[in-house]
Protein backbone atom coordinates (compact mmCIF):
# COMPACT_ATOMS: atom_id res chain seq x y z
CA MET A 1 135.92 180.87 80.10
CA HIS A 2 137.88 178.08 81.64
CA LEU A 3 136.76 177.11 85.14
CA LYS A 4 140.02 178.08 86.87
CA ALA A 5 140.07 181.40 85.02
CA ALA A 6 136.49 182.12 86.08
CA PHE A 7 137.35 181.62 89.73
CA THR A 8 140.57 183.61 89.61
CA ALA A 9 138.71 186.44 87.86
CA HIS A 10 136.36 186.74 90.83
CA PRO A 11 137.81 187.03 94.31
CA PRO A 12 136.28 184.70 96.95
CA ALA A 13 134.28 187.58 98.49
CA ASN A 14 132.61 188.33 95.15
CA ARG A 15 131.83 184.64 94.58
CA ALA A 16 130.30 184.41 98.03
CA LYS A 17 128.22 187.55 97.40
CA THR A 18 126.99 186.20 94.09
CA TYR A 19 125.95 182.85 95.52
CA ALA A 20 124.45 184.52 98.57
CA ALA A 21 122.41 186.79 96.32
CA THR A 22 121.06 183.91 94.19
CA ALA A 23 120.37 181.78 97.25
CA SER A 24 118.55 184.70 98.91
CA ALA A 25 116.48 185.40 95.81
CA VAL A 26 115.50 181.73 95.46
CA ALA A 27 114.73 181.44 99.15
CA ALA A 28 112.53 184.56 98.99
CA THR A 29 110.73 183.00 96.03
CA ALA A 30 110.07 179.81 97.99
CA VAL A 31 108.81 181.74 101.00
CA LEU A 32 106.66 184.22 99.08
CA GLY A 33 105.20 181.50 96.92
CA GLY A 34 104.68 179.21 99.91
CA LEU A 35 102.60 181.86 101.65
CA ALA A 36 99.85 181.33 99.12
CA VAL A 37 99.77 177.51 99.29
CA ASP A 38 96.97 175.93 101.24
CA ALA A 39 96.66 172.30 100.22
CA ASP A 40 94.21 171.80 103.10
CA SER A 41 91.77 174.46 101.95
CA PRO A 42 88.24 173.32 101.22
CA TRP A 43 88.57 174.67 97.65
CA TYR A 44 91.66 172.56 96.96
CA ARG A 45 90.35 169.45 98.69
CA ARG A 46 87.16 169.58 96.57
CA LEU A 47 89.07 169.68 93.27
CA ASP A 48 88.76 166.60 91.12
CA LYS A 49 92.41 165.43 90.91
CA PRO A 50 93.96 162.88 88.55
CA ARG A 51 95.26 159.59 89.99
CA TRP A 52 98.74 160.41 88.65
CA GLN A 53 99.03 163.52 90.85
CA PRO A 54 101.81 163.03 93.39
CA PRO A 55 100.96 163.21 97.08
CA SER A 56 101.25 166.68 98.62
CA ARG A 57 104.42 165.81 100.55
CA ALA A 58 106.19 164.97 97.30
CA PHE A 59 106.14 168.63 96.19
CA GLY A 60 108.39 169.80 99.00
CA LEU A 61 110.73 166.89 98.44
CA VAL A 62 111.02 167.85 94.75
CA TRP A 63 111.11 171.62 95.07
CA THR A 64 113.84 171.79 97.72
CA PRO A 65 116.64 170.34 95.47
CA LEU A 66 115.22 172.20 92.46
CA TYR A 67 115.50 175.51 94.31
CA VAL A 68 119.06 174.63 95.36
CA SER A 69 119.94 173.90 91.73
CA ILE A 70 118.44 177.18 90.53
CA ALA A 71 120.50 179.13 93.09
CA ALA A 72 123.72 177.27 92.34
CA ALA A 73 123.35 177.30 88.56
CA SER A 74 122.39 180.97 88.50
CA GLY A 75 125.30 181.93 90.72
CA ARG A 76 127.73 179.93 88.58
CA ALA A 77 126.41 181.48 85.36
CA LEU A 78 126.47 184.99 86.76
CA LEU A 79 130.11 184.57 87.78
CA ARG A 80 131.00 183.47 84.26
CA ALA A 81 128.88 185.98 82.37
CA ARG A 82 130.30 189.04 80.66
CA PRO A 83 128.88 192.31 82.06
CA GLU A 84 126.12 192.68 79.37
CA GLN A 85 125.25 189.02 79.73
CA ARG A 86 125.12 189.35 83.52
CA ARG A 87 122.54 192.13 83.30
CA ARG A 88 120.29 190.14 80.95
CA LEU A 89 120.73 186.99 82.96
CA THR A 90 119.87 188.80 86.21
CA ARG A 91 116.69 190.19 84.66
CA SER A 92 115.77 186.78 83.27
CA LEU A 93 116.32 185.14 86.66
CA ALA A 94 114.29 187.82 88.48
CA GLY A 95 111.43 187.44 86.01
CA ASN A 96 111.57 183.69 86.29
CA LEU A 97 111.49 183.73 90.06
CA ALA A 98 108.56 186.16 90.02
CA LEU A 99 106.66 183.77 87.70
CA ASN A 100 107.63 180.87 89.95
CA ALA A 101 106.21 182.46 93.09
CA GLY A 102 103.33 183.96 91.15
CA TRP A 103 101.96 180.60 90.16
CA ASN A 104 101.13 179.83 93.77
CA TRP A 105 99.18 183.05 94.08
CA LEU A 106 97.35 182.51 90.80
CA PHE A 107 96.40 178.93 91.62
CA PHE A 108 95.92 178.87 95.36
CA GLY A 109 95.55 182.60 96.13
CA CYS A 110 92.95 183.22 93.36
CA ARG A 111 91.60 179.68 93.75
CA SER A 112 91.68 179.35 90.00
CA THR A 113 92.96 176.38 88.04
CA ARG A 114 92.74 178.45 84.86
CA ALA A 115 94.77 181.34 86.26
CA GLY A 116 97.29 178.78 87.55
CA LEU A 117 97.46 177.25 84.08
CA ALA A 118 98.17 180.63 82.53
CA GLY A 119 100.85 181.23 85.13
CA THR A 120 102.56 177.90 84.64
CA LEU A 121 102.55 178.32 80.87
CA LEU A 122 104.27 181.68 81.33
CA LEU A 123 106.73 180.00 83.70
CA ASP A 124 107.55 177.42 81.04
CA VAL A 125 108.31 180.18 78.57
CA GLY A 126 110.37 181.94 81.26
CA ASN A 127 112.30 178.73 81.86
CA VAL A 128 113.25 178.47 78.19
CA HIS A 129 114.37 182.09 78.30
CA LEU A 130 116.34 181.59 81.52
CA ILE A 131 118.05 178.45 80.18
CA ARG A 132 118.99 180.22 76.92
CA ARG A 133 120.45 183.16 78.85
CA THR A 134 122.25 180.84 81.24
CA ALA A 135 123.66 178.74 78.38
CA ALA A 136 125.09 181.87 76.82
CA ALA A 137 127.20 182.35 79.93
CA ASP A 138 127.78 178.76 81.05
CA ARG A 139 126.46 175.56 79.47
CA PRO A 140 126.90 173.29 82.51
CA ALA A 141 124.83 175.78 84.58
CA ALA A 142 122.12 175.70 81.89
CA ARG A 143 122.10 171.87 81.98
CA ALA A 144 121.64 172.06 85.75
CA LEU A 145 118.38 173.96 85.15
CA LEU A 146 116.89 171.23 82.95
CA PRO A 147 115.33 169.24 85.87
CA TYR A 148 113.64 172.44 87.01
CA ALA A 149 112.21 173.05 83.54
CA ALA A 150 111.14 169.38 83.26
CA TRP A 151 109.33 169.50 86.60
CA CYS A 152 107.57 172.72 85.56
CA VAL A 153 106.42 171.02 82.33
CA PHE A 154 105.05 168.18 84.47
CA ALA A 155 103.34 170.78 86.68
CA THR A 156 101.82 172.40 83.61
CA ALA A 157 100.40 169.06 82.50
CA LEU A 158 99.00 168.50 85.99
CA ASN A 159 97.56 172.00 86.12
CA ALA A 160 96.02 171.56 82.66
CA ASP A 161 94.38 168.32 83.80
CA LEU A 162 93.07 170.02 86.94
CA ALA A 163 91.69 172.95 84.87
CA TYR A 164 89.97 170.54 82.49
CA ARG A 165 88.52 168.33 85.23
CA ASN A 166 87.32 171.34 87.21
CA ARG A 167 86.34 173.65 84.37
CA ALA A 168 83.00 174.46 85.96
CA ARG A 169 84.78 175.75 89.09
CA GLY A 170 87.30 178.01 87.33
């Protein structure tokens, strides 16, 4: 669908509702996931960490624009999706956001590098699925999700290294 046609097919109120819904879902993900994070906990401080791990403050600086891009790309794709695509894309986004927030609870909440690794591997699979569903509706929106997927792959590598280094601790 041509960009102008997509916007004329959806009145401004519907566009605003769609973007508000994706922004709200992403914000809820950030808040719910953030509730589990405790980078100052004795458990986390005692973990053997690789030298290539970014400082704690870097994570907020990276995640903020990534969350914005997820909300914007998802809203754009939902507005351009056909009804059957929209339902599949909505389910894919919801599942992806659940996996996103869930990683924090698996890693920090359960204090388990292995559970975190399982969660981030599932998130990587969920990202591929979300990008495929998004691309079916809108390729530029799917491309906007690539930095998110790339960061999650980096996080998987970091989590794998943490699990390996701290295998005796779980």
